[in-house]
Amino acid sequence: MNILQINSSARSSGSESSRLADAIVAKLAAANAGATVVRRDLAADPHPVIDEPALQALFTPADQRSADQAARVALDDALIAQVQAADAIVIGSPMYNFGITVQLKSWFDAIARAGVTFKYGATGPIGLLTGKKVYVALARGGMHRDGPSDTQLPHLKMFLSFLGLTDVQFIYAEGMGMGPEAVAKAQAHAEEQINAVLV
């Protein structure tokens, strides 16, 4: 099994979503002898945001790109190759201001490429990253699950499904900003969820 772990917290250390992603990956690797793990920490190794030069590079035919344009597209190509090679994808996703982090958004923007990871058919978009299992560790300072303030979850579900990633398990750690007792409760509950989905 090839496991791809994406840590999208702005923190390189002390991140609860990354800690949970580590725990999920450890259980996956232990259950699959010979598993390989590729970890990408988007805080330590941030991916560039889409800007005008990036768009120009992406929409310039490959044989007409400048050296700088080719190098920019190659950054996205490397992320796409990692996703394509993965059997399981584990994403650590904290909630920042009711949404995903800019680090994760930049990764999403990089791996969404028409004709490669999705295409448009007669009835709409068709995801091309099929047959993969996805685990998303959600860490929140407050309590948002199943409420109107949880705009993070619909975004994640929609985007992953758009790429064909429909077999997704979400692990929640909520109340992380509500004091030590709430943190301990959230961590214990998250551990229970991990054990339930990774039997």
C-alpha atoms as a PDB file:
ATOM      1  CA  MET A   1       0.000   0.000   0.000  1.00  0.00           C
ATOM      2  CA  ASN A   2       1.203   3.487  -0.876  1.00  0.00           C
ATOM      3  CA  ILE A   3       0.095   6.036   1.728  1.00  0.00           C
ATOM      4  CA  LEU A   4       0.206   9.779   1.086  1.00  0.00           C
ATOM      5  CA  GLN A   5      -0.034  12.018   4.153  1.00  0.00           C
ATOM      6  CA  ILE A   6      -0.812  15.713   3.754  1.00  0.00           C
ATOM      7  CA  ASN A   7      -0.388  17.933   6.818  1.00  0.00           C
ATOM      8  CA  SER A   8      -2.055  21.259   6.075  1.00  0.00           C
ATOM      9  CA  SER A   9      -1.712  23.093   9.368  1.00  0.00           C
ATOM     10  CA  ALA A  10       0.263  26.338   9.360  1.00  0.00           C
ATOM     11  CA  ARG A  11       2.170  24.829  12.291  1.00  0.00           C
ATOM     12  CA  SER A  12       5.117  22.535  11.649  1.00  0.00           C
ATOM     13  CA  SER A  13       4.841  21.273  15.236  1.00  0.00           C
ATOM     14  CA  GLY A  14       2.121  21.154  17.860  1.00  0.00           C
ATOM     15  CA  SER A  15      -0.694  20.655  15.358  1.00  0.00           C
ATOM     16  CA  GLU A  16      -3.578  18.436  16.484  1.00  0.00           C
ATOM     17  CA  SER A  17      -4.681  17.682  12.926  1.00  0.00           C
ATOM     18  CA  SER A  18      -1.144  16.554  12.063  1.00  0.00           C
ATOM     19  CA  ARG A  19      -0.974  14.444  15.231  1.00  0.00           C
ATOM     20  CA  LEU A  20      -4.209  12.720  14.273  1.00  0.00           C
ATOM     21  CA  ALA A  21      -3.000  12.228  10.697  1.00  0.00           C
ATOM     22  CA  ASP A  22       0.165  10.628  12.109  1.00  0.00           C
ATOM     23  CA  ALA A  23      -1.969   8.250  14.201  1.00  0.00           C
ATOM     24  CA  ILE A  24      -4.080   7.258  11.201  1.00  0.00           C
ATOM     25  CA  VAL A  25      -1.010   6.644   9.059  1.00  0.00           C
ATOM     26  CA  ALA A  26       0.629   4.578  11.816  1.00  0.00           C
ATOM     27  CA  LYS A  27      -2.413   2.305  12.031  1.00  0.00           C
ATOM     28  CA  LEU A  28      -2.656   1.994   8.255  1.00  0.00           C
ATOM     29  CA  ALA A  29       1.015   1.134   7.931  1.00  0.00           C
ATOM     30  CA  ALA A  30       0.832  -1.389  10.774  1.00  0.00           C
ATOM     31  CA  ALA A  31      -2.108  -3.126   9.111  1.00  0.00           C
ATOM     32  CA  ASN A  32      -0.464  -3.270   5.681  1.00  0.00           C
ATOM     33  CA  ALA A  33       2.930  -4.962   5.698  1.00  0.00           C
ATOM     34  CA  GLY A  34       5.411  -3.278   3.395  1.00  0.00           C
ATOM     35  CA  ALA A  35       3.404  -0.053   3.181  1.00  0.00           C
ATOM     36  CA  THR A  36       5.267   2.993   1.939  1.00  0.00           C
ATOM     37  CA  VAL A  37       4.523   6.436   3.376  1.00  0.00           C
ATOM     38  CA  VAL A  38       5.092   9.778   1.685  1.00  0.00           C
ATOM     39  CA  ARG A  39       4.566  12.760   3.990  1.00  0.00           C
ATOM     40  CA  ARG A  40       4.166  16.320   2.805  1.00  0.00           C
ATOM     41  CA  ASP A  41       4.116  19.062   5.430  1.00  0.00           C
ATOM     42  CA  LEU A  42       2.632  22.122   3.762  1.00  0.00           C
ATOM     43  CA  ALA A  43       3.921  24.401   6.526  1.00  0.00           C
ATOM     44  CA  ALA A  44       7.527  23.254   6.205  1.00  0.00           C
ATOM     45  CA  ASP A  45       7.278  22.924   2.411  1.00  0.00           C
ATOM     46  CA  PRO A  46       4.484  25.248   1.248  1.00  0.00           C
ATOM     47  CA  HIS A  47       3.217  25.026  -2.287  1.00  0.00           C
ATOM     48  CA  PRO A  48       2.968  28.319  -4.179  1.00  0.00           C
ATOM     49  CA  VAL A  49      -0.478  29.822  -4.608  1.00  0.00           C
ATOM     50  CA  ILE A  50      -2.013  30.222  -8.031  1.00  0.00           C
ATOM     51  CA  ASP A  51      -1.125  33.636  -9.405  1.00  0.00           C
ATOM     52  CA  GLU A  52      -1.055  35.123 -12.906  1.00  0.00           C
ATOM     53  CA  PRO A  53       2.352  33.664 -13.889  1.00  0.00           C
ATOM     54  CA  ALA A  54       1.200  30.212 -12.703  1.00  0.00           C
ATOM     55  CA  LEU A  55      -1.974  30.446 -14.769  1.00  0.00           C
ATOM     56  CA  GLN A  56      -0.020  31.578 -17.803  1.00  0.00           C
ATOM     57  CA  ALA A  57       2.333  28.613 -17.373  1.00  0.00           C
ATOM     58  CA  LEU A  58      -0.509  26.120 -17.005  1.00  0.00           C
ATOM     59  CA  PHE A  59      -2.343  27.393 -20.088  1.00  0.00           C
ATOM     60  CA  THR A  60       0.763  27.578 -22.282  1.00  0.00           C
ATOM     61  CA  PRO A  61       1.323  24.428 -24.378  1.00  0.00           C
ATOM     62  CA  ALA A  62       4.119  22.332 -22.879  1.00  0.00           C
ATOM     63  CA  ASP A  63       6.395  22.727 -25.893  1.00  0.00           C
ATOM     64  CA  GLN A  64       6.048  26.507 -25.761  1.00  0.00           C
ATOM     65  CA  ARG A  65       6.738  27.106 -22.074  1.00  0.00           C
ATOM     66  CA  SER A  66       9.716  29.091 -20.896  1.00  0.00           C
ATOM     67  CA  ALA A  67      12.124  27.483 -18.455  1.00  0.00           C
ATOM     68  CA  ASP A  68      10.434  29.331 -15.576  1.00  0.00           C
ATOM     69  CA  GLN A  69       6.988  28.237 -16.744  1.00  0.00           C
ATOM     70  CA  ALA A  70       8.083  24.617 -17.106  1.00  0.00           C
ATOM     71  CA  ALA A  71       9.559  24.704 -13.599  1.00  0.00           C
ATOM     72  CA  ARG A  72       6.308  26.098 -12.155  1.00  0.00           C
ATOM     73  CA  VAL A  73       4.162  23.452 -13.829  1.00  0.00           C
ATOM     74  CA  ALA A  74       6.588  20.754 -12.675  1.00  0.00           C
ATOM     75  CA  LEU A  75       5.817  21.680  -9.050  1.00  0.00           C
ATOM     76  CA  ASP A  76       2.157  20.835  -9.606  1.00  0.00           C
ATOM     77  CA  ASP A  77       3.065  17.741 -11.647  1.00  0.00           C
ATOM     78  CA  ALA A  78       4.999  16.349  -8.672  1.00  0.00           C
ATOM     79  CA  LEU A  79       1.980  16.694  -6.366  1.00  0.00           C
ATOM     80  CA  ILE A  80      -0.338  15.121  -8.924  1.00  0.00           C
ATOM     81  CA  ALA A  81       2.039  12.171  -9.340  1.00  0.00           C
ATOM     82  CA  GLN A  82       2.039  11.605  -5.570  1.00  0.00           C
ATOM     83  CA  VAL A  83      -1.761  11.534  -5.474  1.00  0.00           C
ATOM     84  CA  GLN A  84      -1.999   9.243  -8.492  1.00  0.00           C
ATOM     85  CA  ALA A  85       0.461   6.790  -6.923  1.00  0.00           C
ATOM     86  CA  ALA A  86      -1.330   6.695  -3.556  1.00  0.00           C
ATOM     87  CA  ASP A  87      -3.666   3.904  -2.510  1.00  0.00           C
ATOM     88  CA  ALA A  88      -4.658   5.804   0.631  1.00  0.00           C
ATOM     89  CA  ILE A  89      -4.562   9.547   1.301  1.00  0.00           C
ATOM     90  CA  VAL A  90      -4.527  10.954   4.834  1.00  0.00           C
ATOM     91  CA  ILE A  91      -5.176  14.676   5.230  1.00  0.00           C
ATOM     92  CA  GLY A  92      -4.730  16.655   8.419  1.00  0.00           C
ATOM     93  CA  SER A  93      -7.105  19.605   8.117  1.00  0.00           C
ATOM     94  CA  PRO A  94      -7.538  22.156  10.892  1.00  0.00           C
ATOM     95  CA  MET A  95     -10.379  24.656  10.700  1.00  0.00           C
ATOM     96  CA  TYR A  96      -9.198  28.241  10.280  1.00  0.00           C
ATOM     97  CA  ASN A  97     -11.955  30.850  10.350  1.00  0.00           C
ATOM     98  CA  PHE A  98     -14.604  28.252   9.451  1.00  0.00           C
ATOM     99  CA  GLY A  99     -12.741  26.888   6.445  1.00  0.00           C
ATOM    100  CA  ILE A 100      -9.672  25.042   5.233  1.00  0.00           C
ATOM    101  CA  THR A 101      -6.182  26.503   5.457  1.00  0.00           C
ATOM    102  CA  VAL A 102      -4.562  28.416   2.622  1.00  0.00           C
ATOM    103  CA  GLN A 103      -1.934  25.671   2.606  1.00  0.00           C
ATOM    104  CA  LEU A 104      -4.543  23.021   1.820  1.00  0.00           C
ATOM    105  CA  LYS A 105      -6.271  25.262  -0.733  1.00  0.00           C
ATOM    106  CA  SER A 106      -2.971  25.655  -2.595  1.00  0.00           C
ATOM    107  CA  TRP A 107      -2.502  21.866  -2.602  1.00  0.00           C
ATOM    108  CA  PHE A 108      -6.059  21.407  -3.876  1.00  0.00           C
ATOM    109  CA  ASP A 109      -5.452  23.961  -6.623  1.00  0.00           C
ATOM    110  CA  ALA A 110      -2.287  22.117  -7.651  1.00  0.00           C
ATOM    111  CA  ILE A 111      -3.824  18.662  -7.929  1.00  0.00           C
ATOM    112  CA  ALA A 112      -7.035  19.709  -9.724  1.00  0.00           C
ATOM    113  CA  ARG A 113      -6.116  19.608 -13.408  1.00  0.00           C
ATOM    114  CA  ALA A 114      -8.572  19.153 -16.235  1.00  0.00           C
ATOM    115  CA  GLY A 115      -7.879  16.051 -18.301  1.00  0.00           C
ATOM    116  CA  VAL A 116      -5.572  14.628 -15.633  1.00  0.00           C
ATOM    117  CA  THR A 117      -7.405  14.393 -12.297  1.00  0.00           C
ATOM    118  CA  PHE A 118     -10.873  15.291 -13.604  1.00  0.00           C
ATOM    119  CA  LYS A 119     -12.629  15.804 -16.909  1.00  0.00           C
ATOM    120  CA  TYR A 120     -15.951  17.098 -18.136  1.00  0.00           C
ATOM    121  CA  GLY A 121     -18.424  14.707 -19.707  1.00  0.00           C
ATOM    122  CA  ALA A 122     -21.864  15.163 -21.214  1.00  0.00           C
ATOM    123  CA  THR A 123     -23.482  15.294 -17.781  1.00  0.00           C
ATOM    124  CA  GLY A 124     -20.816  17.244 -15.911  1.00  0.00           C
ATOM    125  CA  PRO A 125     -17.463  16.656 -14.190  1.00  0.00           C
ATOM    126  CA  ILE A 126     -15.980  13.182 -13.851  1.00  0.00           C
ATOM    127  CA  GLY A 127     -13.312  12.549 -11.206  1.00  0.00           C
ATOM    128  CA  LEU A 128     -10.324  10.530 -12.380  1.00  0.00           C
ATOM    129  CA  LEU A 129      -8.695   9.761  -9.002  1.00  0.00           C
ATOM    130  CA  THR A 130     -10.842   6.725  -8.286  1.00  0.00           C
ATOM    131  CA  GLY A 131     -10.216   3.607  -6.225  1.00  0.00           C
ATOM    132  CA  LYS A 132      -8.471   5.370  -3.355  1.00  0.00           C
ATOM    133  CA  LYS A 133      -9.321   5.511   0.337  1.00  0.00           C
ATOM    134  CA  VAL A 134      -9.194   8.931   2.005  1.00  0.00           C
ATOM    135  CA  TYR A 135      -9.037   9.776   5.699  1.00  0.00           C
ATOM    136  CA  VAL A 136      -9.396  13.388   6.840  1.00  0.00           C
ATOM    137  CA  ALA A 137      -8.491  14.433  10.389  1.00  0.00           C
ATOM    138  CA  LEU A 138     -10.479  17.539  11.308  1.00  0.00           C
ATOM    139  CA  ALA A 139      -9.295  19.642  14.257  1.00  0.00           C
ATOM    140  CA  ARG A 140     -11.419  22.548  15.452  1.00  0.00           C
ATOM    141  CA  GLY A 141     -11.118  24.986  18.327  1.00  0.00           C
ATOM    142  CA  GLY A 142     -14.894  25.046  18.853  1.00  0.00           C
ATOM    143  CA  MET A 143     -17.843  22.738  18.298  1.00  0.00           C
ATOM    144  CA  HIS A 144     -19.084  22.828  14.701  1.00  0.00           C
ATOM    145  CA  ARG A 145     -19.994  19.292  13.623  1.00  0.00           C
ATOM    146  CA  ASP A 146     -23.451  19.044  12.012  1.00  0.00           C
ATOM    147  CA  GLY A 147     -24.017  22.764  12.535  1.00  0.00           C
ATOM    148  CA  PRO A 148     -24.318  25.764  10.204  1.00  0.00           C
ATOM    149  CA  SER A 149     -20.819  26.948  11.111  1.00  0.00           C
ATOM    150  CA  ASP A 150     -19.244  23.831   9.626  1.00  0.00           C
ATOM    151  CA  THR A 151     -18.494  25.167   6.151  1.00  0.00           C
ATOM    152  CA  GLN A 152     -15.235  23.212   6.099  1.00  0.00           C
ATOM    153  CA  LEU A 153     -16.832  19.777   5.724  1.00  0.00           C
ATOM    154  CA  PRO A 154     -19.018  20.530   2.657  1.00  0.00           C
ATOM    155  CA  HIS A 155     -16.020  22.080   0.904  1.00  0.00           C
ATOM    156  CA  LEU A 156     -13.870  19.022   1.558  1.00  0.00           C
ATOM    157  CA  LYS A 157     -16.597  16.570   0.515  1.00  0.00           C
ATOM    158  CA  MET A 158     -17.358  18.480  -2.671  1.00  0.00           C
ATOM    159  CA  PHE A 159     -13.756  18.884  -3.750  1.00  0.00           C
ATOM    160  CA  LEU A 160     -12.701  15.320  -3.030  1.00  0.00           C
ATOM    161  CA  SER A 161     -15.767  13.951  -4.823  1.00  0.00           C
ATOM    162  CA  PHE A 162     -15.043  16.243  -7.778  1.00  0.00           C
ATOM    163  CA  LEU A 163     -11.723  14.422  -8.228  1.00  0.00           C
ATOM    164  CA  GLY A 164     -13.310  10.982  -7.841  1.00  0.00           C
ATOM    165  CA  LEU A 165     -12.293  10.561  -4.189  1.00  0.00           C
ATOM    166  CA  THR A 166     -15.609   9.364  -2.787  1.00  0.00           C
ATOM    167  CA  ASP A 167     -14.495   6.765  -0.220  1.00  0.00           C
ATOM    168  CA  VAL A 168     -13.766   9.239   2.583  1.00  0.00           C
ATOM    169  CA  GLN A 169     -13.729   8.898   6.376  1.00  0.00           C
ATOM    170  CA  PHE A 170     -13.734  12.016   8.556  1.00  0.00           C
ATOM    171  CA  ILE A 171     -12.186  11.959  12.049  1.00  0.00           C
ATOM    172  CA  TYR A 172     -13.195  14.822  14.358  1.00  0.00           C
ATOM    173  CA  ALA A 173     -11.369  16.503  17.230  1.00  0.00           C
ATOM    174  CA  GLU A 174     -13.522  19.426  18.346  1.00  0.00           C
ATOM    175  CA  GLY A 175     -13.326  21.822  21.258  1.00  0.00           C
ATOM    176  CA  MET A 176      -9.535  22.047  21.107  1.00  0.00           C
ATOM    177  CA  GLY A 177      -9.659  25.688  22.179  1.00  0.00           C
ATOM    178  CA  MET A 178     -12.044  25.151  25.076  1.00  0.00           C
ATOM    179  CA  GLY A 179      -9.659  24.167  27.858  1.00  0.00           C
ATOM    180  CA  PRO A 180      -7.681  21.110  28.997  1.00  0.00           C
ATOM    181  CA  GLU A 181     -10.708  18.986  29.875  1.00  0.00           C
ATOM    182  CA  ALA A 182     -12.274  19.583  26.450  1.00  0.00           C
ATOM    183  CA  VAL A 183      -8.952  18.818  24.744  1.00  0.00           C
ATOM    184  CA  ALA A 184      -8.589  15.507  26.573  1.00  0.00           C
ATOM    185  CA  LYS A 185     -12.177  14.587  25.699  1.00  0.00           C
ATOM    186  CA  ALA A 186     -11.684  15.536  22.033  1.00  0.00           C
ATOM    187  CA  GLN A 187      -8.485  13.525  21.746  1.00  0.00           C
ATOM    188  CA  ALA A 188     -10.055  10.464  23.353  1.00  0.00           C
ATOM    189  CA  HIS A 189     -13.066  10.714  21.054  1.00  0.00           C
ATOM    190  CA  ALA A 190     -10.829  11.070  17.999  1.00  0.00           C
ATOM    191  CA  GLU A 191      -8.878   7.986  19.040  1.00  0.00           C
ATOM    192  CA  GLU A 192     -12.139   6.063  19.318  1.00  0.00           C
ATOM    193  CA  GLN A 193     -13.078   7.149  15.809  1.00  0.00           C
ATOM    194  CA  ILE A 194      -9.709   6.083  14.414  1.00  0.00           C
ATOM    195  CA  ASN A 195     -10.023   2.672  16.041  1.00  0.00           C
ATOM    196  CA  ALA A 196     -13.561   2.309  14.683  1.00  0.00           C
ATOM    197  CA  VAL A 197     -12.689   3.054  11.047  1.00  0.00           C
ATOM    198  CA  LEU A 198      -9.332   1.258  11.063  1.00  0.00           C
ATOM    199  CA  VAL A 199     -10.189  -2.131  12.486  1.00  0.00           C
END
